[in-house]
Amino acid sequence: MAGETKRVHATCVVFRGAGIAIRGRPGAGKSDLALRLIAAGGGLDGASRGHAMLIGDDCCIVTRRGNQIYAAPPRELAGRIEVRGLGIVHLAHVSEARIDLVVDLVARNDIERLPDAGANQTDLAGVRLPRLFLCAFDASAIARITLALGARVTGAFTVENGTARPS
């Protein structure tokens, strides 16, 4: 599948240098969690482009390159995110970023307290990636994502020609 692309039902962001794909059923909180990650990284003002930015909301195009997955927004959705109660909002975005973590949104009661190691991985376009199960609306969601990223959290990324790269 190297070089092939496919659309996935996910909202993707870059947070502290790591690409995150957030998956879940409609209404699970994908856009809400993405918005909170972007706000936590200072990316809502458009000037703080170094800590958190939108890749794409609700639908992204993923491409496998070797053992890495890259996500990009479909052209028609680039820079747009649905904010419940406000409608479609335009945000600064990156045109592509490597995905380092998959967050699967589930009901709070469906999250294992002490999951098996195998449960913390998933396949995305033929590549095994770390996975975290979360309830999007838990107050600790961003803290848990930060912990799951572990050593991958570098603090910042640079944007070159619309592509996010860790700095």
Protein backbone atom coordinates (compact mmCIF):
# COMPACT_ATOMS: atom_id res chain seq x y z
CA MET A 1 0.00 0.00 0.00
CA ALA A 2 3.05 2.31 0.00
CA GLY A 3 2.15 5.64 -1.57
CA GLU A 4 -1.55 4.80 -1.79
CA THR A 5 -4.09 7.15 -0.25
CA LYS A 6 -7.46 6.58 1.36
CA ARG A 7 -10.06 8.69 3.12
CA VAL A 8 -10.60 8.01 6.80
CA HIS A 9 -13.33 9.21 9.13
CA ALA A 10 -11.09 11.07 11.59
CA THR A 11 -10.19 14.52 12.81
CA CYS A 12 -6.45 15.11 12.74
CA VAL A 13 -4.31 17.69 14.54
CA VAL A 14 -0.68 18.40 15.25
CA PHE A 15 -0.15 18.83 19.00
CA ARG A 16 3.28 19.61 20.45
CA GLY A 17 5.05 18.17 17.45
CA ALA A 18 3.01 14.96 17.14
CA GLY A 19 0.30 14.13 14.64
CA ILE A 20 -2.88 12.75 16.20
CA ALA A 21 -5.76 11.03 14.40
CA ILE A 22 -8.97 11.18 16.45
CA ARG A 23 -11.55 8.56 15.47
CA GLY A 24 -15.05 7.95 16.76
CA ARG A 25 -18.70 7.70 15.86
CA PRO A 26 -20.60 10.88 14.89
CA GLY A 27 -21.19 12.99 18.00
CA ALA A 28 -18.39 11.30 19.99
CA GLY A 29 -16.49 14.59 20.32
CA LYS A 30 -13.78 14.43 17.62
CA SER A 31 -14.03 18.10 16.69
CA ASP A 32 -14.48 19.21 20.30
CA LEU A 33 -11.35 17.36 21.45
CA ALA A 34 -9.39 18.69 18.47
CA LEU A 35 -10.49 22.24 19.31
CA ARG A 36 -9.37 21.80 22.94
CA LEU A 37 -5.99 20.42 21.81
CA ILE A 38 -5.51 23.37 19.46
CA ALA A 39 -6.52 25.82 22.22
CA ALA A 40 -4.18 24.12 24.71
CA GLY A 41 -1.35 24.55 22.24
CA GLY A 42 -2.14 28.21 21.65
CA GLY A 43 -3.17 27.67 18.05
CA LEU A 44 -6.54 29.45 18.03
CA ASP A 45 -5.10 32.92 17.52
CA GLY A 46 -3.39 32.00 14.25
CA ALA A 47 -0.10 33.53 15.42
CA SER A 48 1.06 30.64 17.62
CA ARG A 49 1.73 28.19 14.82
CA GLY A 50 4.33 26.22 16.76
CA HIS A 51 2.41 24.10 19.25
CA ALA A 52 -0.96 22.98 17.85
CA MET A 53 -2.76 23.21 14.53
CA LEU A 54 -5.59 21.56 12.65
CA ILE A 55 -4.81 19.10 9.90
CA GLY A 56 -8.41 18.22 8.99
CA ASP A 57 -11.81 17.84 10.62
CA ASP A 58 -14.01 14.76 10.33
CA CYS A 59 -12.39 13.41 7.18
CA CYS A 60 -8.73 13.17 6.26
CA ILE A 61 -6.75 11.62 3.47
CA VAL A 62 -4.04 9.28 4.76
CA THR A 63 -1.02 8.19 2.77
CA ARG A 64 1.41 5.45 3.70
CA ARG A 65 5.07 6.19 3.05
CA GLY A 66 7.22 3.29 4.18
CA ASN A 67 6.30 2.62 7.81
CA GLN A 68 4.77 6.03 8.37
CA ILE A 69 1.31 7.48 7.84
CA TYR A 70 0.70 11.06 6.74
CA ALA A 71 -2.64 12.84 6.97
CA ALA A 72 -3.92 15.74 4.90
CA PRO A 73 -7.28 17.48 4.69
CA PRO A 74 -9.45 17.08 1.61
CA ARG A 75 -9.17 20.33 -0.36
CA GLU A 76 -12.83 21.21 0.21
CA LEU A 77 -12.46 20.92 4.02
CA ALA A 78 -8.99 22.46 4.50
CA GLY A 79 -8.90 24.94 7.38
CA ARG A 80 -12.50 24.27 8.44
CA ILE A 81 -13.72 22.76 11.70
CA GLU A 82 -17.24 22.32 12.99
CA VAL A 83 -17.73 24.04 16.33
CA ARG A 84 -21.06 23.05 17.82
CA GLY A 85 -23.11 26.16 18.54
CA LEU A 86 -20.98 28.35 16.22
CA GLY A 87 -21.04 26.45 12.94
CA ILE A 88 -18.10 26.04 10.57
CA VAL A 89 -15.08 28.03 11.74
CA HIS A 90 -11.91 28.71 9.76
CA LEU A 91 -8.60 27.96 11.50
CA ALA A 92 -4.97 27.99 10.48
CA HIS A 93 -4.03 24.49 9.36
CA VAL A 94 -1.19 22.42 7.99
CA SER A 95 -1.56 20.73 4.64
CA GLU A 96 0.06 17.48 5.81
CA ALA A 97 1.63 15.89 8.90
CA ARG A 98 2.88 12.49 10.03
CA ILE A 99 0.49 10.64 12.36
CA ASP A 100 2.12 9.43 15.60
CA LEU A 101 -0.92 8.48 17.71
CA VAL A 102 -4.48 7.28 17.11
CA VAL A 103 -7.11 8.27 19.67
CA ASP A 104 -10.28 6.17 19.56
CA LEU A 105 -13.22 7.86 21.28
CA VAL A 106 -15.49 5.54 23.25
CA ALA A 107 -17.90 5.72 26.17
CA ARG A 108 -16.16 6.17 29.54
CA ASN A 109 -17.35 2.74 30.76
CA ASP A 110 -15.79 1.05 27.71
CA ILE A 111 -12.23 2.10 28.65
CA GLU A 112 -10.15 -0.60 30.29
CA ARG A 113 -8.49 0.65 33.48
CA LEU A 114 -5.39 -1.49 32.86
CA PRO A 115 -5.39 -2.43 29.17
CA ASP A 116 -3.30 -5.21 27.66
CA ALA A 117 -0.29 -3.96 25.71
CA GLY A 118 -1.82 -5.15 22.42
CA ALA A 119 -4.88 -2.98 22.97
CA ASN A 120 -2.64 0.08 22.84
CA GLN A 121 -1.89 -0.41 19.14
CA THR A 122 -3.99 -0.22 16.02
CA ASP A 123 -3.60 -0.51 12.28
CA LEU A 124 -4.03 2.60 10.14
CA ALA A 125 -3.57 2.05 6.41
CA GLY A 126 -1.37 -0.99 7.07
CA VAL A 127 0.90 0.63 9.68
CA ARG A 128 0.84 -0.25 13.42
CA LEU A 129 0.49 2.90 15.52
CA PRO A 130 0.08 3.60 19.23
CA ARG A 131 -3.58 3.89 20.24
CA LEU A 132 -5.34 5.49 23.19
CA PHE A 133 -8.98 4.93 24.12
CA LEU A 134 -10.61 8.08 25.53
CA CYS A 135 -13.92 9.64 26.40
CA ALA A 136 -13.58 12.96 24.56
CA PHE A 137 -15.34 14.96 27.23
CA ASP A 138 -13.25 13.84 30.22
CA ALA A 139 -11.43 16.76 31.83
CA SER A 140 -8.20 14.74 31.74
CA ALA A 141 -8.36 13.94 28.00
CA ILE A 142 -5.58 16.34 26.98
CA ALA A 143 -3.38 15.25 29.89
CA ARG A 144 -3.83 11.59 28.89
CA ILE A 145 -2.94 12.37 25.28
CA THR A 146 0.19 14.17 26.47
CA LEU A 147 1.17 11.16 28.59
CA ALA A 148 0.47 8.75 25.71
CA LEU A 149 2.73 10.76 23.44
CA GLY A 150 5.50 10.42 26.03
CA ALA A 151 8.89 11.09 24.51
CA ARG A 152 7.28 12.09 21.22
CA VAL A 153 6.11 15.37 22.77
CA THR A 154 8.80 17.77 21.60
CA GLY A 155 7.02 21.04 22.29
CA ALA A 156 6.99 22.54 18.79
CA PHE A 157 6.95 21.93 15.08
CA THR A 158 7.72 24.04 12.07
CA VAL A 159 5.57 24.50 9.00
CA GLU A 160 7.39 24.41 5.67
CA ASN A 161 5.29 24.83 2.54
CA GLY A 162 2.18 23.89 4.51
CA THR A 163 3.68 20.65 5.87
CA ALA A 164 4.26 20.17 9.62
CA ARG A 165 7.63 18.80 10.64
CA PRO A 166 8.96 18.32 14.21
CA SER A 167 11.51 21.00 15.07
